[in-house]
């Protein structure tokens, strides 16, 4: 039981009154702060820029891949750049929510959460080295295994072992759920004999080692796996590919000083476009990060496909789910529609 319910009534009243007074003081102090020094976006530059890295492979590998670019960044903005490197999507989202990150590279679903609820803003998008602005999700099996096609996998409930990513992963969770399982009325958590949640690289390895029968993945992680483990990768077979998923994006904290944000944006968008030896050096630095060719300017609107994807998934789950009454089902569908309209307004060009 929550301890708050066991407090003496008088003590609870004093505690609540204290919160109300504190909120009142904040309301008084905010306009004074604006008069004294400007808005949150105009405050002085921080001591360092905290850069959040979404891991591709392991957190240590991702840090090693990004460090040369970040070293150049800190020279250009004349400020130390510290890294926030985590091993999971949830861990990075928690750090952003706690305002422990100033700028981050995020995949779509994580970026939607950051923009909608964590005071971040999109300013650039990754461009792959082949020029594409997106990736594809995949379901992968062993080439010599018992699953030869998507129909094979779907025809036998309760037989296969599934290795997937966290719910915040677009390619590792949302795309297979929204476009493979939910349209068929399948709950992947109950359809498979077992479900293991892990990173993309570990999930691919579990299929190779026969610890799982099928794994979710994406083309950048499969390419990285082929580079690191060519013999093992040759044993894998892709049985399903999604449509193009928009590439990951850079987001920046709304409260970051405008001068710092501008220097950061200028550096990121210009990087890799220099001529001569400087351009060659920059492009070699970008090549250290898997499939990265450069960055393109973007805004929050680029995240709308992920809002659409979430809508499709939630609606299908509601339509195929079991409900205590038709009224409960209709209430859930109405809430999904309302949330979708609200989020679509937030990510439309007019909602910037």
Protein backbone atom coordinates (compact mmCIF):
# COMPACT_ATOMS: atom_id res chain seq x y z
CA UNK A 1 0.00 0.00 0.00
CA UNK A 2 1.19 3.52 -0.78
CA UNK A 3 2.61 5.19 2.35
CA UNK A 4 0.78 8.40 1.47
CA UNK A 5 -2.52 6.73 2.40
CA UNK A 6 -1.21 5.90 5.86
CA UNK A 7 -0.17 9.49 6.71
CA UNK A 8 -2.13 11.29 9.40
CA UNK A 9 -4.68 13.59 7.77
CA UNK A 10 -3.20 16.75 9.28
CA UNK A 11 0.31 15.85 8.07
CA UNK A 12 -1.00 15.20 4.56
CA UNK A 13 -2.73 18.57 4.52
CA UNK A 14 0.49 20.34 5.53
CA UNK A 15 2.45 18.49 2.83
CA UNK A 16 -0.10 19.32 0.13
CA UNK A 17 -0.24 22.95 1.28
CA UNK A 18 3.56 23.11 1.01
CA UNK A 19 3.38 21.92 -2.59
CA UNK A 20 0.71 24.50 -3.44
CA UNK A 21 2.83 27.28 -1.91
CA UNK A 22 5.90 26.06 -3.84
CA UNK A 23 3.93 26.07 -7.09
CA UNK A 24 2.70 29.58 -6.34
CA UNK A 25 6.27 30.76 -5.79
CA UNK A 26 7.31 29.21 -9.09
CA UNK A 27 4.46 31.02 -10.85
CA UNK A 28 5.68 34.31 -9.33
CA UNK A 29 9.34 33.63 -10.08
CA UNK A 30 8.85 32.69 -13.74
CA UNK A 31 7.81 36.15 -14.99
CA UNK A 32 10.54 37.68 -12.83
CA UNK A 33 13.07 35.39 -14.49
CA UNK A 34 11.83 36.48 -17.91
CA UNK A 35 12.16 40.13 -16.94
CA UNK A 36 15.61 39.58 -15.47
CA UNK A 37 17.22 37.44 -18.12
CA UNK A 38 14.86 36.18 -20.84
CA UNK A 39 13.22 32.86 -21.61
CA UNK A 40 14.55 29.38 -21.03
CA UNK A 41 15.93 29.32 -24.56
CA UNK A 42 18.02 32.42 -23.84
CA UNK A 43 19.86 31.24 -20.76
CA UNK A 44 23.62 31.05 -20.58
CA UNK A 45 25.46 28.17 -22.23
CA UNK A 46 25.94 24.99 -20.17
CA UNK A 47 29.36 23.84 -18.99
CA UNK A 48 29.27 20.89 -21.39
CA UNK A 49 27.05 19.44 -24.11
CA UNK A 50 25.59 16.06 -23.09
CA UNK A 51 25.25 13.79 -26.12
CA UNK A 52 23.00 10.72 -25.95
CA UNK A 53 23.92 7.76 -28.14
CA UNK A 54 21.42 5.12 -29.21
CA UNK A 55 23.51 1.94 -29.30
CA UNK A 56 23.99 0.05 -32.57
CA UNK A 57 25.71 -3.11 -31.43
CA UNK A 58 27.00 -2.59 -27.90
CA UNK A 59 27.15 0.70 -26.01
CA UNK A 60 30.97 0.53 -26.02
CA UNK A 61 31.06 0.02 -29.80
CA UNK A 62 28.69 2.91 -30.41
CA UNK A 63 30.78 5.22 -28.25
CA UNK A 64 33.94 4.25 -30.15
CA UNK A 65 32.20 4.91 -33.48
CA UNK A 66 30.89 8.34 -32.46
CA UNK A 67 33.85 9.67 -30.50
CA UNK A 68 35.89 11.10 -33.45
CA UNK A 69 32.86 13.11 -34.66
CA UNK A 70 32.14 14.37 -31.15
CA UNK A 71 35.78 15.38 -30.68
CA UNK A 72 35.46 17.62 -33.74
CA UNK A 73 32.13 18.93 -32.53
CA UNK A 74 33.54 20.11 -29.22
CA UNK A 75 36.29 22.01 -31.03
CA UNK A 76 33.78 23.75 -33.28
CA UNK A 77 31.38 24.79 -30.51
CA UNK A 78 34.22 25.53 -28.05
CA UNK A 79 32.63 23.40 -25.35
CA UNK A 80 33.31 19.93 -23.89
CA UNK A 81 31.02 17.21 -25.25
CA UNK A 82 30.26 14.44 -22.78
CA UNK A 83 28.53 11.22 -23.82
CA UNK A 84 25.53 9.50 -22.32
CA UNK A 85 25.96 5.96 -23.63
CA UNK A 86 23.44 3.33 -22.53
CA UNK A 87 22.68 -0.26 -23.44
CA UNK A 88 18.91 0.05 -23.92
CA UNK A 89 16.24 2.25 -25.46
CA UNK A 90 14.51 2.55 -22.10
CA UNK A 91 17.71 3.70 -20.42
CA UNK A 92 18.25 6.48 -22.94
CA UNK A 93 14.62 7.56 -22.75
CA UNK A 94 14.88 7.78 -18.97
CA UNK A 95 17.98 9.97 -19.19
CA UNK A 96 16.24 12.30 -21.65
CA UNK A 97 13.16 12.47 -19.44
CA UNK A 98 15.36 13.42 -16.47
CA UNK A 99 16.88 16.23 -18.62
CA UNK A 100 20.25 14.51 -18.51
CA UNK A 101 20.73 14.81 -22.29
CA UNK A 102 21.07 17.96 -24.45
CA UNK A 103 21.27 16.37 -27.89
CA UNK A 104 20.74 12.78 -29.00
CA UNK A 105 20.55 10.44 -31.95
CA UNK A 106 17.24 8.54 -31.70
CA UNK A 107 15.14 6.13 -33.71
CA UNK A 108 11.59 7.13 -34.55
CA UNK A 109 9.48 5.83 -31.64
CA UNK A 110 12.02 7.06 -29.10
CA UNK A 111 12.10 10.44 -30.85
CA UNK A 112 8.29 10.70 -30.73
CA UNK A 113 8.41 10.19 -26.97
CA UNK A 114 11.21 12.76 -26.61
CA UNK A 115 9.41 15.42 -28.66
CA UNK A 116 5.92 14.80 -27.31
CA UNK A 117 6.76 14.46 -23.63
CA UNK A 118 10.41 15.29 -22.92
CA UNK A 119 10.96 18.81 -24.33
CA UNK A 120 13.15 17.84 -27.29
CA UNK A 121 13.01 19.05 -30.90
CA UNK A 122 14.12 17.45 -34.19
CA UNK A 123 16.71 19.42 -36.18
CA UNK A 124 18.39 16.85 -38.47
CA UNK A 125 17.94 13.38 -39.94
CA UNK A 126 20.47 10.71 -40.82
CA UNK A 127 21.20 10.05 -44.48
CA UNK A 128 22.53 6.59 -45.22
CA UNK A 129 25.77 6.16 -47.12
CA UNK A 130 23.73 4.85 -50.08
CA UNK A 131 21.68 8.08 -50.05
CA UNK A 132 18.53 6.54 -48.59
CA UNK A 133 16.68 8.28 -45.76
CA UNK A 134 15.41 5.12 -44.15
CA UNK A 135 15.88 1.51 -43.13
CA UNK A 136 13.75 -1.63 -43.26
CA UNK A 137 12.69 -3.97 -40.46
CA UNK A 138 13.21 -7.70 -40.91
CA UNK A 139 12.33 -11.10 -39.52
CA UNK A 140 15.33 -13.42 -39.74
CA UNK A 141 15.69 -17.21 -39.41
CA UNK A 142 18.40 -19.80 -40.05
CA UNK A 143 18.72 -20.71 -43.71
CA UNK A 144 18.83 -24.40 -42.86
CA UNK A 145 16.11 -24.21 -40.21
CA UNK A 146 12.49 -25.43 -40.25
CA UNK A 147 11.03 -21.99 -41.07
CA UNK A 148 11.23 -21.33 -44.81
CA UNK A 149 8.79 -18.44 -45.14
CA UNK A 150 6.57 -16.06 -43.20
CA UNK A 151 3.62 -18.39 -43.82
CA UNK A 152 5.61 -21.26 -42.28
CA UNK A 153 6.19 -19.22 -39.15
CA UNK A 154 2.58 -18.05 -38.85
CA UNK A 155 1.06 -21.48 -39.48
CA UNK A 156 2.32 -23.05 -36.24
CA UNK A 157 1.38 -21.30 -33.03
CA UNK A 158 3.24 -22.19 -29.85
CA UNK A 159 6.15 -23.87 -31.64
CA UNK A 160 8.78 -21.21 -32.31
CA UNK A 161 11.08 -19.19 -30.06
CA UNK A 162 11.13 -15.47 -30.83
CA UNK A 163 13.94 -12.97 -30.10
CA UNK A 164 12.84 -9.34 -30.37
CA UNK A 165 13.78 -5.86 -29.14
CA UNK A 166 12.21 -3.52 -26.59
CA UNK A 167 8.78 -1.96 -27.29
CA UNK A 168 10.45 1.41 -28.02
CA UNK A 169 12.34 -0.16 -30.95
CA UNK A 170 10.67 0.56 -34.28
CA UNK A 171 12.29 -2.18 -36.36
CA UNK A 172 12.73 -4.64 -33.50
CA UNK A 173 9.18 -4.44 -32.16
CA UNK A 174 6.70 -1.96 -33.63
CA UNK A 175 6.97 -2.79 -37.36
CA UNK A 176 6.57 -6.57 -36.94
CA UNK A 177 3.72 -6.01 -34.48
CA UNK A 178 1.91 -3.46 -36.65
CA UNK A 179 2.32 -5.15 -40.04
CA UNK A 180 2.78 -8.88 -39.34
CA UNK A 181 1.10 -9.90 -36.10
CA UNK A 182 -1.65 -7.41 -35.20
CA UNK A 183 -3.38 -7.45 -38.64
CA UNK A 184 -3.81 -11.21 -38.19
CA UNK A 185 -5.15 -10.89 -34.67
CA UNK A 186 -1.95 -12.39 -33.24
CA UNK A 187 -0.43 -11.42 -29.91
CA UNK A 188 3.26 -12.22 -30.36
CA UNK A 189 3.77 -12.62 -26.62
CA UNK A 190 1.37 -15.57 -26.58
CA UNK A 191 1.79 -16.84 -30.16
CA UNK A 192 5.39 -17.98 -29.67
CA UNK A 193 6.56 -20.74 -27.36
CA UNK A 194 8.93 -18.21 -25.77
CA UNK A 195 9.90 -14.57 -26.28
CA UNK A 196 13.36 -13.20 -25.48
CA UNK A 197 13.92 -9.43 -25.39
CA UNK A 198 17.44 -8.28 -26.26
CA UNK A 199 19.59 -6.16 -28.56
CA UNK A 200 19.60 -6.63 -32.33
CA UNK A 201 23.08 -8.14 -32.48
CA UNK A 202 22.45 -10.55 -29.62
CA UNK A 203 19.13 -11.60 -31.16
CA UNK A 204 20.75 -12.42 -34.49
CA UNK A 205 23.41 -14.43 -32.72
CA UNK A 206 20.74 -16.35 -30.82
CA UNK A 207 19.26 -17.51 -34.14
CA UNK A 208 22.68 -18.57 -35.40
CA UNK A 209 23.27 -20.53 -32.17
CA UNK A 210 19.78 -22.10 -32.39
CA UNK A 211 18.70 -20.48 -29.13
CA UNK A 212 15.88 -18.79 -31.06
CA UNK A 213 14.04 -19.74 -34.24
CA UNK A 214 13.25 -16.23 -35.49
CA UNK A 215 14.51 -12.75 -34.62
CA UNK A 216 13.45 -9.23 -35.49
CA UNK A 217 16.17 -6.97 -36.90
CA UNK A 218 16.88 -4.28 -39.50
CA UNK A 219 19.23 -3.78 -42.42
CA UNK A 220 21.87 -1.63 -40.60
CA UNK A 221 22.19 -4.19 -37.80
CA UNK A 222 22.24 -7.10 -40.21
CA UNK A 223 24.95 -5.32 -42.24
CA UNK A 224 26.94 -4.77 -39.04
CA UNK A 225 26.49 -8.43 -38.10
CA UNK A 226 27.76 -9.49 -41.54
CA UNK A 227 30.81 -7.28 -41.08
CA UNK A 228 31.62 -8.65 -37.62
CA UNK A 229 30.59 -12.29 -38.13
CA UNK A 230 30.61 -13.09 -41.87
CA UNK A 231 30.54 -16.87 -41.41
CA UNK A 232 27.66 -16.76 -38.95
CA UNK A 233 25.74 -14.20 -41.03
CA UNK A 234 25.88 -16.47 -44.06
CA UNK A 235 23.67 -18.91 -42.14
CA UNK A 236 20.81 -16.41 -41.82
CA UNK A 237 17.80 -15.88 -44.07
CA UNK A 238 15.35 -12.96 -44.18
CA UNK A 239 11.70 -14.09 -44.42
CA UNK A 240 10.02 -10.66 -44.14
CA UNK A 241 10.96 -7.05 -44.93
CA UNK A 242 8.97 -3.96 -44.03
CA UNK A 243 8.39 -0.85 -46.09
CA UNK A 244 10.92 1.95 -45.67
CA UNK A 245 11.21 3.34 -42.13
CA UNK A 246 12.45 6.95 -41.91
CA UNK A 247 16.01 7.12 -40.60
CA UNK A 248 16.98 8.11 -37.10
CA UNK A 249 17.00 11.78 -36.17
CA UNK A 250 18.94 14.26 -34.09
CA UNK A 251 16.93 15.91 -31.33
CA UNK A 252 18.00 18.85 -29.20
CA UNK A 253 16.72 19.98 -25.81
CA UNK A 254 14.40 22.99 -26.10
CA UNK A 255 16.03 24.67 -23.11
CA UNK A 256 19.52 24.62 -24.60
CA UNK A 257 20.97 28.10 -25.11
CA UNK A 258 20.13 29.41 -28.58
CA UNK A 259 23.78 30.22 -29.36
CA UNK A 260 24.87 26.66 -28.57
CA UNK A 261 21.98 25.16 -30.51
CA UNK A 262 22.84 27.25 -33.56
CA UNK A 263 26.54 26.26 -33.50
CA UNK A 264 25.54 22.62 -33.07
CA UNK A 265 23.08 22.74 -35.96
CA UNK A 266 25.56 24.50 -38.27
CA UNK A 267 28.24 21.93 -37.53
CA UNK A 268 26.02 18.86 -37.99
CA UNK A 269 24.39 19.98 -41.24
CA UNK A 270 27.68 21.09 -42.84
CA UNK A 271 29.70 18.04 -41.78
CA UNK A 272 30.81 15.83 -44.65
CA UNK A 273 30.24 18.49 -47.32
CA UNK A 274 33.64 20.21 -47.22
CA UNK A 275 35.89 20.01 -50.27
CA UNK A 276 39.40 18.64 -50.64
CA UNK A 277 41.27 16.93 -47.80
CA UNK A 278 38.91 18.27 -45.14
CA UNK A 279 35.94 16.75 -46.89
CA UNK A 280 37.70 13.41 -47.26
CA UNK A 281 38.58 13.42 -43.57
CA UNK A 282 35.01 14.28 -42.55
CA UNK A 283 33.52 11.56 -44.73
CA UNK A 284 35.98 9.03 -43.30
CA UNK A 285 34.84 10.03 -39.81
CA UNK A 286 31.19 9.57 -40.79
CA UNK A 287 32.00 6.15 -42.25
CA UNK A 288 33.00 4.93 -38.78
CA UNK A 289 29.30 5.03 -37.86
CA UNK A 290 27.46 2.17 -39.65
CA UNK A 291 25.78 3.23 -42.91
CA UNK A 292 26.06 6.94 -42.15
CA UNK A 293 26.66 9.26 -45.08
CA UNK A 294 25.66 12.62 -43.60
CA UNK A 295 22.79 14.65 -42.19
CA UNK A 296 19.84 16.48 -43.71
CA UNK A 297 17.86 19.33 -42.09
CA UNK A 298 14.54 18.18 -40.62
CA UNK A 299 11.87 19.10 -38.11
CA UNK A 300 9.29 17.35 -35.94
CA UNK A 301 7.06 16.61 -38.93
CA UNK A 302 9.41 13.81 -40.03
CA UNK A 303 8.10 11.78 -37.06
CA UNK A 304 4.49 11.66 -38.33
CA UNK A 305 4.96 8.16 -39.90
CA UNK A 306 5.79 6.82 -36.45
CA UNK A 307 2.66 8.39 -34.99
CA UNK A 308 0.72 6.71 -37.83
CA UNK A 309 2.42 3.39 -37.08
CA UNK A 310 1.55 3.57 -33.41
CA UNK A 311 -2.05 4.36 -34.34
CA UNK A 312 -2.27 1.35 -36.68
CA UNK A 313 -0.84 -0.95 -34.03
CA UNK A 314 -3.05 0.25 -31.18
CA UNK A 315 -6.20 0.18 -33.30
CA UNK A 316 -5.55 -3.34 -34.55
CA UNK A 317 -4.81 -4.56 -31.04
CA UNK A 318 -8.05 -3.01 -29.81
CA UNK A 319 -10.11 -4.45 -32.66
CA UNK A 320 -8.75 -7.98 -32.16
CA UNK A 321 -8.55 -7.89 -28.36
CA UNK A 322 -10.94 -9.42 -25.86
CA UNK A 323 -13.17 -6.93 -24.03
CA UNK A 324 -15.58 -7.17 -21.11
CA UNK A 325 -18.24 -5.41 -23.21
CA UNK A 326 -18.73 -3.80 -26.64
CA UNK A 327 -18.92 -0.45 -24.87
CA UNK A 328 -15.42 -0.92 -23.40
CA UNK A 329 -14.07 -1.73 -26.85
CA UNK A 330 -15.70 1.33 -28.41
CA UNK A 331 -14.41 3.55 -25.59
CA UNK A 332 -10.86 2.32 -26.22
CA UNK A 333 -11.14 2.90 -29.97
CA UNK A 334 -12.48 6.41 -29.36
CA UNK A 335 -9.54 7.16 -27.06
CA UNK A 336 -7.09 5.90 -29.69
CA UNK A 337 -8.70 8.19 -32.31
CA UNK A 338 -8.56 11.17 -29.95
CA UNK A 339 -4.92 10.56 -29.07
CA UNK A 340 -4.02 10.17 -32.73
CA UNK A 341 -5.64 13.49 -33.70
CA UNK A 342 -3.87 15.25 -30.82
CA UNK A 343 -0.46 13.79 -31.67
CA UNK A 344 -0.88 14.44 -35.40
CA UNK A 345 -1.50 18.12 -34.66
CA UNK A 346 1.63 18.22 -32.52
CA UNK A 347 3.79 16.79 -35.32
CA UNK A 348 2.22 18.64 -38.24
CA UNK A 349 4.16 21.50 -39.87
CA UNK A 350 1.77 23.99 -38.28
CA UNK A 351 2.48 22.45 -34.87
CA UNK A 352 6.18 23.18 -34.91
